Amino acid sequence: MAKAVFYHAGCPVCVDAEQMILNYLDPAKTEIEVVNFGTDTSRIEEAELAGVKSVPALVLDGWVYHINFGASMEDVKK
């Protein structure tokens, strides 16, 4: 089963991207996790180690897909 982690900061751009992208992933084939840095900053380092440079971003089986540009990871840390 594939693993997808959608990282975002809770901003309107991120929430729209979450709704759009996650509707296309098949939960029968993909384990889906959503991480909102607005409510959980403890996962920022994990995202950076995975290669996330900005949010919203989708990490799918180790590949990072940056979707639009809501905020840099430096902005997320503030």
N, C-alpha and C. Protein backbone atom coordinates (compact mmCIF):
# COMPACT_ATOMS: atom_id res chain seq x y z
N MET A 1 0.85 -1.18 0.00
CA MET A 1 0.00 0.00 0.00
C MET A 1 0.89 1.23 0.00
N ALA A 2 0.53 2.22 -0.81
CA ALA A 2 1.26 3.48 -0.87
C ALA A 2 0.98 4.29 0.39
N LYS A 3 1.90 5.19 0.73
CA LYS A 3 1.74 6.07 1.88
C LYS A 3 1.80 7.50 1.39
N ALA A 4 0.80 8.29 1.75
CA ALA A 4 0.75 9.70 1.38
C ALA A 4 0.61 10.54 2.64
N VAL A 5 1.47 11.56 2.76
CA VAL A 5 1.34 12.51 3.86
C VAL A 5 1.18 13.89 3.23
N PHE A 6 0.08 14.54 3.56
CA PHE A 6 -0.21 15.88 3.07
C PHE A 6 0.11 16.86 4.18
N TYR A 7 1.12 17.70 3.95
CA TYR A 7 1.53 18.70 4.94
C TYR A 7 0.97 20.05 4.53
N HIS A 8 0.41 20.77 5.51
CA HIS A 8 -0.06 22.12 5.24
C HIS A 8 -0.08 22.94 6.52
N ALA A 9 -0.36 24.25 6.34
CA ALA A 9 -0.32 25.17 7.48
C ALA A 9 -1.69 25.69 7.89
N GLY A 10 -2.73 25.16 7.28
CA GLY A 10 -4.08 25.57 7.65
C GLY A 10 -4.58 26.81 6.95
N CYS A 11 -3.78 27.40 6.07
CA CYS A 11 -4.21 28.60 5.35
C CYS A 11 -5.24 28.21 4.27
N PRO A 12 -5.97 29.18 3.74
CA PRO A 12 -6.98 28.85 2.73
C PRO A 12 -6.43 28.13 1.50
N VAL A 13 -5.25 28.52 1.03
CA VAL A 13 -4.62 27.84 -0.11
C VAL A 13 -4.38 26.38 0.22
N CYS A 14 -3.87 26.13 1.42
CA CYS A 14 -3.56 24.76 1.85
C CYS A 14 -4.82 23.91 2.00
N VAL A 15 -5.84 24.48 2.60
CA VAL A 15 -7.09 23.74 2.82
C VAL A 15 -7.74 23.40 1.47
N ASP A 16 -7.73 24.34 0.54
CA ASP A 16 -8.27 24.07 -0.79
C ASP A 16 -7.49 22.95 -1.47
N ALA A 17 -6.16 23.01 -1.38
CA ALA A 17 -5.32 21.97 -1.99
C ALA A 17 -5.59 20.62 -1.33
N GLU A 18 -5.73 20.60 -0.02
CA GLU A 18 -6.03 19.35 0.69
C GLU A 18 -7.31 18.72 0.15
N GLN A 19 -8.36 19.51 0.07
CA GLN A 19 -9.64 18.99 -0.40
C GLN A 19 -9.55 18.48 -1.83
N MET A 20 -8.86 19.22 -2.69
CA MET A 20 -8.74 18.84 -4.10
C MET A 20 -7.90 17.58 -4.27
N ILE A 21 -6.72 17.56 -3.70
CA ILE A 21 -5.79 16.45 -3.90
C ILE A 21 -6.28 15.17 -3.24
N LEU A 22 -6.73 15.26 -2.01
CA LEU A 22 -7.11 14.04 -1.29
C LEU A 22 -8.35 13.36 -1.87
N ASN A 23 -9.16 14.12 -2.58
CA ASN A 23 -10.30 13.51 -3.24
C ASN A 23 -9.87 12.57 -4.37
N TYR A 24 -8.67 12.74 -4.89
CA TYR A 24 -8.18 11.92 -5.99
C TYR A 24 -7.41 10.69 -5.54
N LEU A 25 -7.05 10.63 -4.27
CA LEU A 25 -6.32 9.46 -3.76
C LEU A 25 -7.31 8.38 -3.33
N ASP A 26 -7.03 7.16 -3.70
CA ASP A 26 -7.90 6.04 -3.37
C ASP A 26 -7.48 5.47 -2.01
N PRO A 27 -8.31 5.64 -0.97
CA PRO A 27 -7.94 5.13 0.36
C PRO A 27 -7.80 3.61 0.41
N ALA A 28 -8.31 2.91 -0.58
CA ALA A 28 -8.14 1.46 -0.64
C ALA A 28 -6.73 1.10 -1.10
N LYS A 29 -6.05 2.06 -1.76
CA LYS A 29 -4.70 1.81 -2.28
C LYS A 29 -3.63 2.65 -1.59
N THR A 30 -4.06 3.67 -0.86
CA THR A 30 -3.12 4.62 -0.28
C THR A 30 -3.47 4.92 1.16
N GLU A 31 -2.50 4.76 2.04
CA GLU A 31 -2.65 5.19 3.43
C GLU A 31 -2.44 6.70 3.45
N ILE A 32 -3.46 7.45 3.87
CA ILE A 32 -3.43 8.91 3.79
C ILE A 32 -3.36 9.51 5.19
N GLU A 33 -2.43 10.45 5.35
CA GLU A 33 -2.30 11.17 6.61
C GLU A 33 -2.21 12.66 6.29
N VAL A 34 -2.90 13.47 7.07
CA VAL A 34 -2.86 14.92 6.90
C VAL A 34 -2.20 15.52 8.14
N VAL A 35 -1.19 16.37 7.90
CA VAL A 35 -0.50 17.05 8.99
C VAL A 35 -0.70 18.55 8.80
N ASN A 36 -1.37 19.17 9.77
CA ASN A 36 -1.62 20.60 9.75
C ASN A 36 -0.68 21.25 10.75
N PHE A 37 0.30 22.00 10.26
CA PHE A 37 1.26 22.65 11.15
C PHE A 37 0.62 23.74 11.99
N GLY A 38 -0.56 24.19 11.61
CA GLY A 38 -1.27 25.17 12.42
C GLY A 38 -1.70 24.60 13.76
N THR A 39 -1.86 23.28 13.80
CA THR A 39 -2.28 22.62 15.05
C THR A 39 -1.23 21.65 15.58
N ASP A 40 -0.20 21.32 14.76
CA ASP A 40 0.82 20.36 15.20
C ASP A 40 2.18 20.74 14.63
N THR A 41 2.92 21.56 15.37
CA THR A 41 4.25 21.98 14.92
C THR A 41 5.32 20.93 15.18
N SER A 42 5.00 19.89 15.90
CA SER A 42 6.00 18.86 16.24
C SER A 42 6.46 18.06 15.03
N ARG A 43 5.78 18.18 13.90
CA ARG A 43 6.11 17.39 12.72
C ARG A 43 6.88 18.19 11.66
N ILE A 44 7.26 19.43 11.98
CA ILE A 44 7.97 20.28 11.02
C ILE A 44 9.31 19.65 10.62
N GLU A 45 10.08 19.20 11.59
CA GLU A 45 11.39 18.61 11.27
C GLU A 45 11.23 17.38 10.38
N GLU A 46 10.25 16.55 10.67
CA GLU A 46 9.97 15.37 9.85
C GLU A 46 9.72 15.77 8.39
N ALA A 47 8.91 16.80 8.20
CA ALA A 47 8.59 17.27 6.85
C ALA A 47 9.84 17.77 6.14
N GLU A 48 10.64 18.54 6.84
CA GLU A 48 11.87 19.05 6.24
C GLU A 48 12.82 17.92 5.86
N LEU A 49 12.94 16.92 6.72
CA LEU A 49 13.79 15.77 6.41
C LEU A 49 13.28 15.00 5.20
N ALA A 50 11.97 15.04 4.98
CA ALA A 50 11.38 14.37 3.81
C ALA A 50 11.58 15.18 2.53
N GLY A 51 12.03 16.44 2.68
CA GLY A 51 12.29 17.29 1.51
C GLY A 51 11.27 18.37 1.26
N VAL A 52 10.34 18.56 2.19
CA VAL A 52 9.33 19.60 2.03
C VAL A 52 9.98 20.97 2.20
N LYS A 53 9.81 21.83 1.19
CA LYS A 53 10.38 23.19 1.22
C LYS A 53 9.31 24.25 1.43
N SER A 54 8.07 23.92 1.08
CA SER A 54 6.95 24.83 1.25
C SER A 54 5.68 24.01 1.36
N VAL A 55 4.64 24.65 1.87
CA VAL A 55 3.35 23.99 1.99
C VAL A 55 2.33 24.76 1.17
N PRO A 56 1.34 24.09 0.64
CA PRO A 56 1.01 22.68 0.83
C PRO A 56 1.93 21.79 0.02
N ALA A 57 2.17 20.59 0.56
CA ALA A 57 3.01 19.61 -0.11
C ALA A 57 2.48 18.21 0.19
N LEU A 58 2.63 17.34 -0.79
CA LEU A 58 2.24 15.96 -0.65
C LEU A 58 3.48 15.10 -0.77
N VAL A 59 3.73 14.26 0.22
CA VAL A 59 4.84 13.30 0.15
C VAL A 59 4.19 11.94 -0.10
N LEU A 60 4.49 11.39 -1.26
CA LEU A 60 3.89 10.14 -1.68
C LEU A 60 5.00 9.12 -1.91
N ASP A 61 5.07 8.12 -1.04
CA ASP A 61 6.11 7.10 -1.10
C ASP A 61 7.51 7.71 -1.23
N GLY A 62 7.75 8.78 -0.46
CA GLY A 62 9.08 9.39 -0.43
C GLY A 62 9.31 10.48 -1.46
N TRP A 63 8.40 10.66 -2.39
CA TRP A 63 8.52 11.71 -3.40
C TRP A 63 7.74 12.93 -2.93
N VAL A 64 8.35 14.10 -3.04
CA VAL A 64 7.70 15.34 -2.59
C VAL A 64 7.10 16.07 -3.78
N TYR A 65 5.83 16.42 -3.65
CA TYR A 65 5.14 17.21 -4.65
C TYR A 65 4.70 18.51 -3.99
N HIS A 66 5.33 19.61 -4.39
CA HIS A 66 4.95 20.92 -3.86
C HIS A 66 3.78 21.42 -4.68
N ILE A 67 2.70 21.76 -4.00
CA ILE A 67 1.45 22.15 -4.63
C ILE A 67 1.25 23.63 -4.38
N ASN A 68 1.26 24.43 -5.46
CA ASN A 68 1.08 25.85 -5.31
C ASN A 68 2.16 26.39 -4.37
N PHE A 69 1.99 27.53 -3.79
CA PHE A 69 2.92 28.04 -2.79
C PHE A 69 2.12 28.82 -1.78
N GLY A 70 1.88 28.19 -0.64
CA GLY A 70 1.15 28.83 0.45
C GLY A 70 2.10 29.53 1.40
N ALA A 71 3.14 28.79 1.83
CA ALA A 71 4.11 29.33 2.79
C ALA A 71 5.39 28.50 2.73
N SER A 72 6.51 29.16 2.90
CA SER A 72 7.78 28.45 3.00
C SER A 72 7.86 27.76 4.36
N MET A 73 8.72 26.80 4.50
CA MET A 73 8.89 26.14 5.80
C MET A 73 9.44 27.13 6.82
N GLU A 74 10.20 28.12 6.39
CA GLU A 74 10.68 29.15 7.32
C GLU A 74 9.49 29.94 7.87
N ASP A 75 8.53 30.25 7.02
CA ASP A 75 7.33 30.95 7.49
C ASP A 75 6.52 30.09 8.45
N VAL A 76 6.46 28.80 8.17
CA VAL A 76 5.71 27.87 9.03
C VAL A 76 6.31 27.83 10.44
N LYS A 77 7.62 27.95 10.55
CA LYS A 77 8.31 27.88 11.84
C LYS A 77 8.04 29.09 12.72
N LYS A 78 7.61 30.20 12.12
CA LYS A 78 7.40 31.44 12.90
C LYS A 78 6.18 31.36 13.78
